[in-house]
Each structure stands twice: as structure tokens, then as C-alpha cells.
C-alpha atoms as a PDB file:
ATOM      1  CA  MET A   1     -95.460-127.271 -64.886  1.00  0.00           C
ATOM      2  CA  LYS A   2     -98.209-128.421 -67.443  1.00  0.00           C
ATOM      3  CA  TYR A   3     -97.593-125.162 -69.600  1.00  0.00           C
ATOM      4  CA  ARG A   4     -94.000-124.605 -68.614  1.00  0.00           C
ATOM      5  CA  TRP A   5     -91.800-127.614 -69.908  1.00  0.00           C
ATOM      6  CA  PHE A   6     -88.457-126.380 -68.951  1.00  0.00           C
ATOM      7  CA  GLU A   7     -85.948-125.789 -66.141  1.00  0.00           C
ATOM      8  CA  LYS A   8     -82.786-124.127 -67.634  1.00  0.00           C
ATOM      9  CA  GLY A   9     -83.215-123.663 -71.138  1.00  0.00           C
ATOM     10  CA  ALA A  10     -85.936-120.586 -71.024  1.00  0.00           C
ATOM     11  CA  TYR A  11     -86.920-117.724 -69.362  1.00  0.00           C
ATOM     12  CA  ALA A  12     -90.148-116.828 -67.507  1.00  0.00           C
ATOM     13  CA  SER A  13     -90.789-114.019 -65.547  1.00  0.00           C
ATOM     14  CA  ALA A  14     -92.526-114.386 -62.062  1.00  0.00           C
ATOM     15  CA  ASP A  15     -95.930-112.646 -63.402  1.00  0.00           C
ATOM     16  CA  ALA A  16     -95.379-115.410 -66.584  1.00  0.00           C
ATOM     17  CA  ARG A  17     -94.842-118.464 -64.250  1.00  0.00           C
ATOM     18  CA  LYS A  18     -97.850-116.980 -62.181  1.00  0.00           C
ATOM     19  CA  TYR A  19    -100.182-116.885 -65.012  1.00  0.00           C
ATOM     20  CA  LEU A  20     -99.139-120.353 -66.413  1.00  0.00           C
ATOM     21  CA  ALA A  21     -99.758-122.076 -63.278  1.00  0.00           C
ATOM     22  CA  SER A  22    -103.204-120.729 -62.636  1.00  0.00           C
ATOM     23  CA  GLU A  23    -105.004-119.554 -65.528  1.00  0.00           C
ATOM     24  CA  PHE A  24    -103.518-120.435 -68.791  1.00  0.00           C
ATOM     25  CA  ASP A  25    -105.030-123.019 -71.055  1.00  0.00           C
ATOM     26  CA  PRO A  26    -104.450-122.915 -75.150  1.00  0.00           C
ATOM     27  CA  ASN A  27    -108.366-123.945 -75.607  1.00  0.00           C
ATOM     28  CA  LYS A  28    -108.963-120.850 -73.730  1.00  0.00           C
ATOM     29  CA  VAL A  29    -106.728-118.322 -75.924  1.00  0.00           C
ATOM     30  CA  LYS A  30    -108.644-116.080 -78.363  1.00  0.00           C
ATOM     31  CA  LYS A  31    -106.108-113.515 -79.545  1.00  0.00           C
ATOM     32  CA  ILE A  32    -102.676-114.251 -81.064  1.00  0.00           C
ATOM     33  CA  ALA A  33    -100.090-112.314 -82.614  1.00  0.00           C
ATOM     34  CA  VAL A  34     -97.261-113.753 -84.529  1.00  0.00           C
ATOM     35  CA  ILE A  35     -94.562-110.824 -85.939  1.00  0.00           C
ATOM     36  CA  ARG A  36     -92.282-111.500 -88.710  1.00  0.00           C
ATOM     37  CA  HIS A  37     -90.234-108.864 -90.513  1.00  0.00           C
ATOM     38  CA  ALA A  38     -88.287-110.515 -92.825  1.00  0.00           C
ATOM     39  CA  ALA A  39     -87.433-111.499 -96.736  1.00  0.00           C
ATOM     40  CA  LEU A  40     -88.927-114.579 -98.824  1.00  0.00           C
ATOM     41  CA  GLY A  41     -86.424-117.140 -97.187  1.00  0.00           C
ATOM     42  CA  ASP A  42     -87.353-116.268 -93.581  1.00  0.00           C
ATOM     43  CA  LEU A  43     -91.160-115.649 -94.564  1.00  0.00           C
ATOM     44  CA  VAL A  44     -91.248-119.595 -95.497  1.00  0.00           C
ATOM     45  CA  ILE A  45     -89.429-121.013 -92.950  1.00  0.00           C
ATOM     46  CA  VAL A  46     -92.203-119.278 -90.509  1.00  0.00           C
ATOM     47  CA  ARG A  47     -95.376-121.409 -92.116  1.00  0.00           C
ATOM     48  CA  PRO A  48     -94.671-124.575 -90.106  1.00  0.00           C
ATOM     49  CA  PHE A  49     -94.897-122.392 -86.632  1.00  0.00           C
ATOM     50  CA  LEU A  50     -98.088-121.138 -88.143  1.00  0.00           C
ATOM     51  CA  ILE A  51     -99.722-124.431 -88.516  1.00  0.00           C
ATOM     52  CA  GLU A  52     -98.450-125.775 -85.433  1.00  0.00           C
ATOM     53  CA  ALA A  53    -100.026-122.484 -83.300  1.00  0.00           C
ATOM     54  CA  LYS A  54    -103.544-123.220 -85.028  1.00  0.00           C
ATOM     55  CA  LYS A  55    -103.035-126.537 -83.608  1.00  0.00           C
ATOM     56  CA  PHE A  56    -102.642-126.041 -80.175  1.00  0.00           C
ATOM     57  CA  PHE A  57    -104.518-122.839 -80.244  1.00  0.00           C
ATOM     58  CA  PRO A  58    -107.702-124.102 -81.844  1.00  0.00           C
ATOM     59  CA  ASN A  59    -110.067-121.238 -80.713  1.00  0.00           C
ATOM     60  CA  ALA A  60    -107.425-118.653 -81.440  1.00  0.00           C
ATOM     61  CA  GLU A  61    -107.478-115.983 -83.656  1.00  0.00           C
ATOM     62  CA  ILE A  62    -104.045-115.858 -85.087  1.00  0.00           C
ATOM     63  CA  ILE A  63    -102.787-112.429 -86.451  1.00  0.00           C
ATOM     64  CA  LEU A  64    -100.118-112.141 -88.393  1.00  0.00           C
ATOM     65  CA  VAL A  65     -98.208-108.912 -88.382  1.00  0.00           C
ATOM     66  CA  GLY A  66     -95.688-108.084 -91.387  1.00  0.00           C
ATOM     67  CA  VAL A  67     -94.249-104.693 -92.648  1.00  0.00           C
ATOM     68  CA  THR A  68     -94.418-102.442 -95.898  1.00  0.00           C
ATOM     69  CA  ASN A  69     -91.092-103.374 -97.238  1.00  0.00           C
ATOM     70  CA  TYR A  70     -91.118-107.127 -96.878  1.00  0.00           C
ATOM     71  CA  GLN A  71     -94.859-108.286 -98.258  1.00  0.00           C
ATOM     72  CA  TYR A  72     -93.914-110.942-100.968  1.00  0.00           C
ATOM     73  CA  GLY A  73     -94.324-114.369 -99.543  1.00  0.00           C
ATOM     74  CA  LEU A  74     -95.572-113.448 -96.644  1.00  0.00           C
ATOM     75  CA  PRO A  75     -98.067-116.475 -95.398  1.00  0.00           C
ATOM     76  CA  SER A  76    -101.364-114.867 -95.165  1.00  0.00           C
ATOM     77  CA  ASP A  77    -103.167-118.013 -96.289  1.00  0.00           C
ATOM     78  CA  LEU A  78    -102.312-119.586 -92.685  1.00  0.00           C
ATOM     79  CA  ALA A  79    -103.106-116.720 -90.603  1.00  0.00           C
ATOM     80  CA  ASP A  80    -107.072-115.435 -89.457  1.00  0.00           C
ATOM     81  CA  SER A  81    -106.139-111.803 -90.357  1.00  0.00           C
ATOM     82  CA  THR A  82    -102.727-109.472 -91.477  1.00  0.00           C
ATOM     83  CA  TYR A  83    -101.667-106.426 -89.846  1.00  0.00           C
ATOM     84  CA  ILE A  84     -99.138-104.634 -91.757  1.00  0.00           C
ATOM     85  CA  THR A  85     -96.875-102.243 -89.723  1.00  0.00           C
ATOM     86  CA  PHE A  86     -94.913 -99.224 -91.220  1.00  0.00           C
ATOM     87  CA  GLY A  87     -91.486 -99.995 -92.644  1.00  0.00           C
ATOM     88  CA  LYS A  88     -88.472 -98.257 -93.573  1.00  0.00           C
ATOM     89  CA  ASP A  89     -89.548 -98.036 -97.214  1.00  0.00           C
ATOM     90  CA  VAL A  90     -91.997 -95.535 -96.014  1.00  0.00           C
ATOM     91  CA  LYS A  91     -90.747 -94.244 -92.642  1.00  0.00           C
ATOM     92  CA  LYS A  92     -90.404 -90.724 -94.215  1.00  0.00           C
ATOM     93  CA  ASN A  93     -94.122 -90.559 -95.372  1.00  0.00           C
ATOM     94  CA  HIS A  94     -95.261 -90.537 -91.689  1.00  0.00           C
ATOM     95  CA  SER A  95     -94.775 -88.614 -88.630  1.00  0.00           C
ATOM     96  CA  PHE A  96     -93.678 -90.037 -85.410  1.00  0.00           C
ATOM     97  CA  SER A  97     -97.189 -89.813 -83.529  1.00  0.00           C
ATOM     98  CA  GLU A  98     -98.471 -92.050 -86.766  1.00  0.00           C
ATOM     99  CA  LYS A  99     -95.613 -94.324 -86.582  1.00  0.00           C
ATOM    100  CA  ILE A 100     -96.827 -94.994 -82.811  1.00  0.00           C
ATOM    101  CA  LYS A 101    -100.161 -95.198 -83.726  1.00  0.00           C
ATOM    102  CA  ASN A 102     -99.393 -97.733 -86.318  1.00  0.00           C
ATOM    103  CA  ILE A 103     -97.624 -99.821 -83.624  1.00  0.00           C
ATOM    104  CA  LYS A 104    -100.421 -99.314 -80.946  1.00  0.00           C
ATOM    105  CA  GLY A 105    -102.998-100.527 -84.036  1.00  0.00           C
ATOM    106  CA  LEU A 106    -101.989-103.943 -83.294  1.00  0.00           C
ATOM    107  CA  GLY A 107    -104.174-104.074 -79.639  1.00  0.00           C
ATOM    108  CA  GLU A 108    -104.226-106.115 -77.062  1.00  0.00           C
ATOM    109  CA  GLN A 109    -103.624-109.948 -77.470  1.00  0.00           C
ATOM    110  CA  ASP A 110    -103.521-112.962 -75.225  1.00  0.00           C
ATOM    111  CA  ILE A 111    -100.108-113.780 -76.599  1.00  0.00           C
ATOM    112  CA  ILE A 112     -97.487-111.995 -78.749  1.00  0.00           C
ATOM    113  CA  PHE A 113     -94.827-114.195 -80.459  1.00  0.00           C
ATOM    114  CA  ASP A 114     -92.266-112.130 -81.552  1.00  0.00           C
ATOM    115  CA  LEU A 115     -90.338-114.138 -84.413  1.00  0.00           C
ATOM    116  CA  SER A 116     -88.360-110.838 -85.715  1.00  0.00           C
ATOM    117  CA  CYS A 117     -86.548-109.573 -82.511  1.00  0.00           C
ATOM    118  CA  THR A 118     -85.845-106.094 -84.164  1.00  0.00           C
ATOM    119  CA  ASN A 119     -86.076-102.714 -82.990  1.00  0.00           C
ATOM    120  CA  ARG A 120     -89.253-102.735 -84.828  1.00  0.00           C
ATOM    121  CA  SER A 121     -90.756-105.722 -83.541  1.00  0.00           C
ATOM    122  CA  HIS A 122     -89.423-104.690 -80.002  1.00  0.00           C
ATOM    123  CA  TRP A 123     -91.540-101.693 -80.112  1.00  0.00           C
ATOM    124  CA  LEU A 124     -94.715-103.717 -81.362  1.00  0.00           C
ATOM    125  CA  THR A 125     -94.261-105.983 -78.008  1.00  0.00           C
ATOM    126  CA  ALA A 126     -93.402-103.429 -75.683  1.00  0.00           C
ATOM    127  CA  LEU A 127     -96.340-100.644 -76.433  1.00  0.00           C
ATOM    128  CA  ASN A 128     -99.159-103.055 -77.062  1.00  0.00           C
ATOM    129  CA  LYS A 129    -100.567-105.507 -73.927  1.00  0.00           C
ATOM    130  CA  ALA A 130    -100.327-109.450 -73.846  1.00  0.00           C
ATOM    131  CA  LYS A 131    -100.439-111.644 -71.059  1.00  0.00           C
ATOM    132  CA  LEU A 132     -97.443-113.903 -72.321  1.00  0.00           C
ATOM    133  CA  LYS A 133     -94.589-111.906 -74.837  1.00  0.00           C
ATOM    134  CA  PHE A 134     -92.370-114.337 -76.233  1.00  0.00           C
ATOM    135  CA  GLY A 135     -89.215-113.970 -78.131  1.00  0.00           C
ATOM    136  CA  PHE A 136     -85.768-115.649 -78.704  1.00  0.00           C
ATOM    137  CA  PRO A 137     -83.293-112.519 -78.036  1.00  0.00           C
ATOM    138  CA  TYR A 138     -79.667-112.398 -78.593  1.00  0.00           C
ATOM    139  CA  LYS A 139     -79.536-110.007 -75.717  1.00  0.00           C
ATOM    140  CA  GLN A 140     -80.385-111.763 -72.624  1.00  0.00           C
ATOM    141  CA  MET A 141     -80.776-107.877 -71.096  1.00  0.00           C
ATOM    142  CA  LEU A 142     -84.280-107.637 -72.777  1.00  0.00           C
ATOM    143  CA  ASN A 143     -85.712-110.928 -70.924  1.00  0.00           C
ATOM    144  CA  GLY A 144     -88.017-109.109 -68.440  1.00  0.00           C
ATOM    145  CA  ILE A 145     -87.891-105.930 -70.091  1.00  0.00           C
ATOM    146  CA  ILE A 146     -89.784-106.447 -73.167  1.00  0.00           C
ATOM    147  CA  TYR A 147     -90.063-110.321 -72.828  1.00  0.00           C
ATOM    148  CA  ASN A 148     -91.817-112.083 -70.032  1.00  0.00           C
ATOM    149  CA  VAL A 149     -90.987-115.284 -71.834  1.00  0.00           C
ATOM    150  CA  SER A 150     -87.906-116.521 -74.127  1.00  0.00           C
ATOM    151  CA  VAL A 151     -86.296-119.152 -75.319  1.00  0.00           C
ATOM    152  CA  LEU A 152     -82.794-119.785 -76.275  1.00  0.00           C
ATOM    153  CA  ARG A 153     -81.614-118.493 -79.591  1.00  0.00           C
ATOM    154  CA  SER A 154     -78.798-120.481 -80.845  1.00  0.00           C
ATOM    155  CA  ASP A 155     -76.686-120.266 -83.966  1.00  0.00           C
ATOM    156  CA  PHE A 156     -76.014-124.212 -83.860  1.00  0.00           C
ATOM    157  CA  GLN A 157     -79.906-125.300 -84.795  1.00  0.00           C
ATOM    158  CA  HIS A 158     -82.339-123.654 -87.865  1.00  0.00           C
ATOM    159  CA  GLU A 159     -84.235-120.744 -86.800  1.00  0.00           C
ATOM    160  CA  LEU A 160     -87.302-122.598 -87.263  1.00  0.00           C
ATOM    161  CA  ASP A 161     -86.204-125.130 -84.182  1.00  0.00           C
ATOM    162  CA  CYS A 162     -85.773-122.086 -82.370  1.00  0.00           C
ATOM    163  CA  MET A 163     -89.529-120.975 -83.115  1.00  0.00           C
ATOM    164  CA  MET A 164     -91.271-124.202 -82.375  1.00  0.00           C
ATOM    165  CA  ASP A 165     -88.969-124.017 -79.021  1.00  0.00           C
ATOM    166  CA  MET A 166     -91.871-121.247 -77.938  1.00  0.00           C
ATOM    167  CA  LEU A 167     -94.504-123.798 -78.402  1.00  0.00           C
ATOM    168  CA  ARG A 168     -92.636-126.846 -76.786  1.00  0.00           C
ATOM    169  CA  PHE A 169     -92.061-124.409 -74.017  1.00  0.00           C
ATOM    170  CA  LEU A 170     -95.850-124.594 -73.177  1.00  0.00           C
ATOM    171  CA  GLY A 171     -96.091-128.623 -73.861  1.00  0.00           C
ATOM    172  CA  HIS A 172     -97.083-128.664 -77.785  1.00  0.00           C
ATOM    173  CA  VAL A 173     -95.407-131.424 -79.762  1.00  0.00           C
ATOM    174  CA  PRO A 174     -94.690-130.345 -83.262  1.00  0.00           C
ATOM    175  CA  SER A 175     -94.768-132.562 -86.005  1.00  0.00           C
ATOM    176  CA  ARG A 176     -91.447-134.339 -86.659  1.00  0.00           C
ATOM    177  CA  VAL A 177     -91.178-133.350 -90.266  1.00  0.00           C
ATOM    178  CA  PRO A 178     -92.435-129.721 -90.286  1.00  0.00           C
ATOM    179  CA  ASP A 179     -95.632-128.994 -92.612  1.00  0.00           C
ATOM    180  CA  PHE A 180     -95.134-125.728 -94.597  1.00  0.00           C
ATOM    181  CA  GLY A 181     -98.591-125.706 -95.961  1.00  0.00           C
ATOM    182  CA  TYR A 182     -97.676-125.978 -99.666  1.00  0.00           C
ATOM    183  CA  THR A 183     -98.490-127.979-102.725  1.00  0.00           C
ATOM    184  CA  ASP A 184     -96.638-131.023-103.129  1.00  0.00           C
ATOM    185  CA  ASN A 185     -95.021-129.985-106.390  1.00  0.00           C
ATOM    186  CA  ARG A 186     -92.726-133.402-106.459  1.00  0.00           C
ATOM    187  CA  THR A 187     -94.848-135.198-109.395  1.00  0.00           C
ATOM    188  CA  VAL A 188     -94.734-131.771-111.440  1.00  0.00           C
ATOM    189  CA  LYS A 189     -93.366-132.910-115.242  1.00  0.00           C
ATOM    190  CA  PRO A 190     -90.492-130.739-116.175  1.00  0.00           C
ATOM    191  CA  GLN A 191     -90.758-128.644-119.172  1.00  0.00           C
ATOM    192  CA  ALA A 192     -90.028-130.518-122.547  1.00  0.00           C
ATOM    193  CA  GLU A 193     -87.456-127.749-123.100  1.00  0.00           C
ATOM    194  CA  LYS A 194     -84.219-127.945-120.423  1.00  0.00           C
ATOM    195  CA  ASN A 195     -83.440-124.843-118.875  1.00  0.00           C
ATOM    196  CA  PHE A 196     -81.214-123.472-116.195  1.00  0.00           C
ATOM    197  CA  VAL A 197     -82.655-121.012-114.199  1.00  0.00           C
ATOM    198  CA  TYR A 198     -80.142-118.393-112.538  1.00  0.00           C
ATOM    199  CA  PHE A 199     -81.750-116.207-109.617  1.00  0.00           C
ATOM    200  CA  ASN A 200     -79.042-113.639-108.175  1.00  0.00           C
ATOM    201  CA  GLY A 201     -81.070-111.801-105.220  1.00  0.00           C
ATOM    202  CA  ALA A 202     -81.130-111.776-101.271  1.00  0.00           C
ATOM    203  CA  SER A 203     -82.245-109.362 -98.788  1.00  0.00           C
ATOM    204  CA  THR A 204     -78.960-107.691 -98.922  1.00  0.00           C
ATOM    205  CA  GLU A 205     -76.841-106.920-101.430  1.00  0.00           C
ATOM    206  CA  SER A 206     -73.537-108.555 -99.818  1.00  0.00           C
ATOM    207  CA  LYS A 207     -75.136-111.814-100.088  1.00  0.00           C
ATOM    208  CA  ILE A 208     -75.381-111.591-104.174  1.00  0.00           C
ATOM    209  CA  LEU A 209     -72.541-111.828-107.043  1.00  0.00           C
ATOM    210  CA  PRO A 210     -71.562-108.583-108.478  1.00  0.00           C
ATOM    211  CA  LYS A 211     -73.589-108.076-111.935  1.00  0.00           C
ATOM    212  CA  GLU A 212     -69.833-108.501-113.820  1.00  0.00           C
ATOM    213  CA  GLN A 213     -69.496-111.913-112.381  1.00  0.00           C
ATOM    214  CA  MET A 214     -73.254-113.045-112.965  1.00  0.00           C
ATOM    215  CA  TYR A 215     -73.004-111.645-116.769  1.00  0.00           C
ATOM    216  CA  GLN A 216     -69.775-114.080-117.269  1.00  0.00           C
ATOM    217  CA  LEU A 217     -71.256-116.847-115.595  1.00  0.00           C
ATOM    218  CA  MET A 218     -74.297-116.770-117.893  1.00  0.00           C
ATOM    219  CA  LYS A 219     -72.192-116.106-121.061  1.00  0.00           C
ATOM    220  CA  GLU A 220     -69.871-119.295-120.240  1.00  0.00           C
ATOM    221  CA  ALA A 221     -72.836-121.242-119.264  1.00  0.00           C
ATOM    222  CA  ALA A 222     -74.814-120.480-122.245  1.00  0.00           C
ATOM    223  CA  GLU A 223     -71.556-121.661-124.369  1.00  0.00           C
ATOM    224  CA  ALA A 224     -70.977-124.710-122.517  1.00  0.00           C
ATOM    225  CA  PHE A 225     -74.604-125.629-122.690  1.00  0.00           C
ATOM    226  CA  PRO A 226     -75.860-124.382-126.038  1.00  0.00           C
ATOM    227  CA  ASN A 227     -78.597-126.599-126.097  1.00  0.00           C
ATOM    228  CA  ILE A 228     -79.913-125.170-123.068  1.00  0.00           C
ATOM    229  CA  LYS A 229     -82.158-122.626-122.308  1.00  0.00           C
ATOM    230  CA  HIS A 230     -80.648-120.129-119.793  1.00  0.00           C
ATOM    231  CA  CYS A 231     -83.080-118.279-117.763  1.00  0.00           C
ATOM    232  CA  TYR A 232     -82.279-115.215-115.753  1.00  0.00           C
ATOM    233  CA  LEU A 233     -85.110-114.899-112.946  1.00  0.00           C
ATOM    234  CA  GLU A 234     -85.932-111.291-111.955  1.00  0.00           C
ATOM    235  CA  GLY A 235     -86.895-110.014-108.111  1.00  0.00           C
ATOM    236  CA  VAL A 236     -88.867-107.708-106.348  1.00  0.00           C
ATOM    237  CA  HIS A 237     -85.880-105.165-105.975  1.00  0.00           C
ATOM    238  CA  ASP A 238     -84.160-102.810-108.559  1.00  0.00           C
ATOM    239  CA  ARG A 239     -80.533-104.647-107.598  1.00  0.00           C
ATOM    240  CA  GLU A 240     -82.295-107.947-108.740  1.00  0.00           C
ATOM    241  CA  LYS A 241     -83.301-106.972-112.292  1.00  0.00           C
ATOM    242  CA  GLY A 242     -81.987-108.328-115.476  1.00  0.00           C
ATOM    243  CA  ASP A 243     -80.930-105.075-117.554  1.00  0.00           C
ATOM    244  CA  PHE A 244     -77.579-105.531-117.165  1.00  0.00           C
ATOM    245  CA  LEU A 245     -77.885-108.815-119.184  1.00  0.00           C
ATOM    246  CA  ALA A 246     -79.672-106.862-122.269  1.00  0.00           C
ATOM    247  CA  SER A 247     -76.401-107.391-124.512  1.00  0.00           C
ATOM    248  CA  LEU A 248     -75.970-110.890-123.850  1.00  0.00           C
ATOM    249  CA  VAL A 249     -79.700-111.604-124.370  1.00  0.00           C
ATOM    250  CA  GLU A 250     -78.963-109.880-128.136  1.00  0.00           C
ATOM    251  CA  GLU A 251     -75.791-111.948-128.546  1.00  0.00           C
ATOM    252  CA  LYS A 252     -77.191-115.389-127.662  1.00  0.00           C
ATOM    253  CA  ASP A 253     -80.234-117.058-128.318  1.00  0.00           C
ATOM    254  CA  ASN A 254     -80.461-119.341-125.570  1.00  0.00           C
ATOM    255  CA  ILE A 255     -80.426-116.590-123.024  1.00  0.00           C
ATOM    256  CA  GLU A 256     -83.821-114.957-121.879  1.00  0.00           C
ATOM    257  CA  ILE A 257     -84.675-112.750-118.778  1.00  0.00           C
ATOM    258  CA  ILE A 258     -87.882-114.076-116.663  1.00  0.00           C
ATOM    259  CA  ALA A 259     -89.973-111.303-115.009  1.00  0.00           C
ATOM    260  CA  THR A 260     -90.799-111.241-111.766  1.00  0.00           C
ATOM    261  CA  LYS A 261     -93.432-114.193-110.768  1.00  0.00           C
ATOM    262  CA  PRO A 262     -96.093-114.112-108.331  1.00  0.00           C
ATOM    263  CA  LEU A 263     -94.961-116.615-105.476  1.00  0.00           C
ATOM    264  CA  GLU A 264     -97.793-119.411-106.604  1.00  0.00           C
ATOM    265  CA  GLY A 265     -96.370-119.430-110.139  1.00  0.00           C
ATOM    266  CA  LEU A 266     -92.788-119.240-109.090  1.00  0.00           C
ATOM    267  CA  THR A 267     -93.032-122.422-106.941  1.00  0.00           C
ATOM    268  CA  GLU A 268     -94.140-124.177-110.091  1.00  0.00           C
ATOM    269  CA  TYR A 269     -91.741-122.800-112.488  1.00  0.00           C
ATOM    270  CA  ILE A 270     -88.846-123.839-110.406  1.00  0.00           C
ATOM    271  CA  ALA A 271     -90.545-127.225-109.947  1.00  0.00           C
ATOM    272  CA  ARG A 272     -90.548-127.591-113.627  1.00  0.00           C
ATOM    273  CA  SER A 273     -86.989-126.307-114.177  1.00  0.00           C
ATOM    274  CA  THR A 274     -84.099-128.786-114.850  1.00  0.00           C
ATOM    275  CA  MET A 275     -81.628-126.620-112.655  1.00  0.00           C
ATOM    276  CA  VAL A 276     -81.479-123.697-110.772  1.00  0.00           C
ATOM    277  CA  ILE A 277     -78.545-121.504-109.529  1.00  0.00           C
ATOM    278  CA  ALA A 278     -79.336-119.318-106.654  1.00  0.00           C
ATOM    279  CA  PRO A 279     -77.568-117.633-103.547  1.00  0.00           C
ATOM    280  CA  ASP A 280     -78.488-118.830-100.061  1.00  0.00           C
ATOM    281  CA  THR A 281     -81.995-117.134 -99.874  1.00  0.00           C
ATOM    282  CA  GLY A 282     -85.835-117.942-100.198  1.00  0.00           C
ATOM    283  CA  ILE A 283     -85.618-119.270-103.654  1.00  0.00           C
ATOM    284  CA  ARG A 284     -83.179-121.819-102.186  1.00  0.00           C
ATOM    285  CA  ASN A 285     -86.004-122.119 -99.302  1.00  0.00           C
ATOM    286  CA  LEU A 286     -88.472-122.662-101.765  1.00  0.00           C
ATOM    287  CA  LEU A 287     -86.591-125.605-103.569  1.00  0.00           C
ATOM    288  CA  PHE A 288     -85.394-127.256-100.678  1.00  0.00           C
ATOM    289  CA  LEU A 289     -88.672-127.348 -98.811  1.00  0.00           C
ATOM    290  CA  HIS A 290     -91.738-128.483-101.347  1.00  0.00           C
ATOM    291  CA  ILE A 291     -90.318-128.751-104.875  1.00  0.00           C
ATOM    292  CA  ARG A 292     -89.353-132.057-106.582  1.00  0.00           C
ATOM    293  CA  GLN A 293     -86.164-133.225-105.204  1.00  0.00           C
ATOM    294  CA  GLN A 294     -84.977-134.469-108.915  1.00  0.00           C
ATOM    295  CA  SER A 295     -84.127-130.685-109.434  1.00  0.00           C
ATOM    296  CA  VAL A 296     -80.546-130.049-108.870  1.00  0.00           C
ATOM    297  CA  PHE A 297     -79.579-126.890-106.910  1.00  0.00           C
ATOM    298  CA  PHE A 298     -76.009-124.916-106.836  1.00  0.00           C
ATOM    299  CA  THR A 299     -75.200-121.746-104.518  1.00  0.00           C
ATOM    300  CA  LEU A 300     -73.681-119.106-105.731  1.00  0.00           C
ATOM    301  CA  GLN A 301     -70.708-117.788-103.651  1.00  0.00           C
ATOM    302  CA  TYR A 302     -69.145-114.927-104.029  1.00  0.00           C
ATOM    303  CA  HIS A 303     -65.738-115.727-105.137  1.00  0.00           C
ATOM    304  CA  SER A 304     -64.059-115.059-108.332  1.00  0.00           C
ATOM    305  CA  GLY A 305     -63.370-117.516-111.006  1.00  0.00           C
ATOM    306  CA  ILE A 306     -67.028-119.592-110.977  1.00  0.00           C
ATOM    307  CA  HIS A 307     -66.904-121.687-114.004  1.00  0.00           C
ATOM    308  CA  LEU A 308     -70.154-123.610-113.999  1.00  0.00           C
ATOM    309  CA  SER A 309     -68.925-126.556-116.621  1.00  0.00           C
ATOM    310  CA  MET A 310     -66.192-127.530-114.095  1.00  0.00           C
ATOM    311  CA  ASN A 311     -68.657-127.835-110.964  1.00  0.00           C
ATOM    312  CA  LEU A 312     -71.759-129.297-113.175  1.00  0.00           C
ATOM    313  CA  ASP A 313     -72.369-133.426-112.755  1.00  0.00           C
ATOM    314  CA  ILE A 314     -75.959-134.050-114.598  1.00  0.00           C
ATOM    315  CA  LYS A 315     -77.130-135.911-117.512  1.00  0.00           C
ATOM    316  CA  LEU A 316     -78.526-133.701-119.586  1.00  0.00           C
END
């Protein structure tokens, strides 16, 4: 029971239970793979897991497994090495045998933590050897087929807690307040010119406002607050560019388009801003988790008749 802290809240195969009872020692674990295929917001929340895993496995080499189409914000700084697998953006460029070779290239590990549980991560977990293969699948049928250890995945707790449950399973006690390994920007001084930052990107188009609605929002905001600089922040995808605002930029001298920033520059830029307006996405996670708490944040939701001035409660 020393390294199997559960009775009914998790799954472990007979082989996994035997290994945990007879051989497992976190100090002797040498190779760990952490699979995380996701966009910026989900890459932000995997950071505390990597930090806690390093604490519990002090002698292990941690390999972070990413994917080609989601590399912006990949926390390679918290891993010993990074392995990138083929994503949907390059799938037409490689044969089936090349894809299998890429998947198998991860190699044998002591432990695989699958923190994605997607079709691609299933193949990665299944085709590479490991003594323990952790997951948190919605489909329980995958237990015993792909994963020999899994924890419950609940819609009623944060996904980060589901990840940490994998370490709790083994007896580790994570920090009560998650450590994201970011610079604390709460002491950063706001820039002299007050500005509202607008971001309208997400991993899927269904999560963002239509361009017509975003255009109208910025137009009304610029008119309601003429002494504020209204900055549209571009993302990495084509749908997140600000070309559709070109005519508005010419019409209003207090609107500008900000080109995509590197992650390090992005966090400081947001920290210095007066207010951030964005969908439920990675920018929101960055704001809530580690930049100064004085920033004001509004979440964009897809509905008609947005009027920023009606919802604003801030002294300017």
C-alpha cells in the first residue's frame, strides 16, 4: 500500500499492483514521459504537474511529449528533454510507416503519464513500453488495454487536480497552492498609457466571437472610452489575425493591432495592461495564474448585443 494510495477511487491492473508492491521506488525511476497535446491554456496548467513530478522522482529524466500543431507555450523549460510527435498539420507529409516510427521513437520508459488521452496519445502509450502507464480516460474500457493505472476524470474538479491525482496515487503530496514556475508579475508597474487588450482566439473556432461581432465590440468600446488605447492582440492561427479591423484602425486613432508576441513578452505585456478581454482560453489562464491581480478581466461569450460600457465597473 506504500505506493498505492487508493481503495475505490482509481484503477490498477494486477501487474501494476505487483510492481508497486515489490519493485517500485520513486528514487530509482530513471525515465518518465509526460504526454500533453493541447493548446496554450492546457499547456499552462500542466506546468505544476511537471514541477511536482520532479520533486517526487528526483533522479528521473522527464521527457515532455508535445505535438507539431501545439507548440506555443509548451513548457519545455520544466522538462529535461522534449519529444515532438506528428500532428494533424503535417499528417499529409508522412507515410503511415513514418508516423508509426515517429510514435515508437519515444522509446521505453519507466512511467508514461498520458495527460491528453486522445487517439494520438493512446497510440503513443500503447506502442511504447513502460512499467506503469497512467491515464485519466473518460472511457473506462481503456483500463487494462492501454493503461495499467488510471484515476477518475471528473467534470466537477479542475483538470489539474485530475493530473495531480496520478501523483497522489503513488503517495506524493503536491503543494496546496500549485507552483506554475512563472515569474511573479504582480509587482510589474502598469504602462503609463491606459490600454484595453482584446484577444479573440481559442483552440476551436466555436469558442470565439464572429469577426463582425468583435469589430462592433471594439468600435463601441473605442467610442465609449476615447482616452483609452484599444489593442487587438493577434494569435498564432490565421483566424486570430486582425486584418478584419484594418478599416477601423484607419478610422479610429485609439485602436491598434498588436502582432503575435513570444510567450515571455506576452505575459509582461498583459501584466502591464489595464484590462484584458478574451474568451475562455490560454490568455485567460495566463492572467489568472501568474500576472498581477490588479488587472481587470472580462470573458467574451458568444451572444448578440455585447456592450462593453454597460458591463464596465472600473475607475479610469
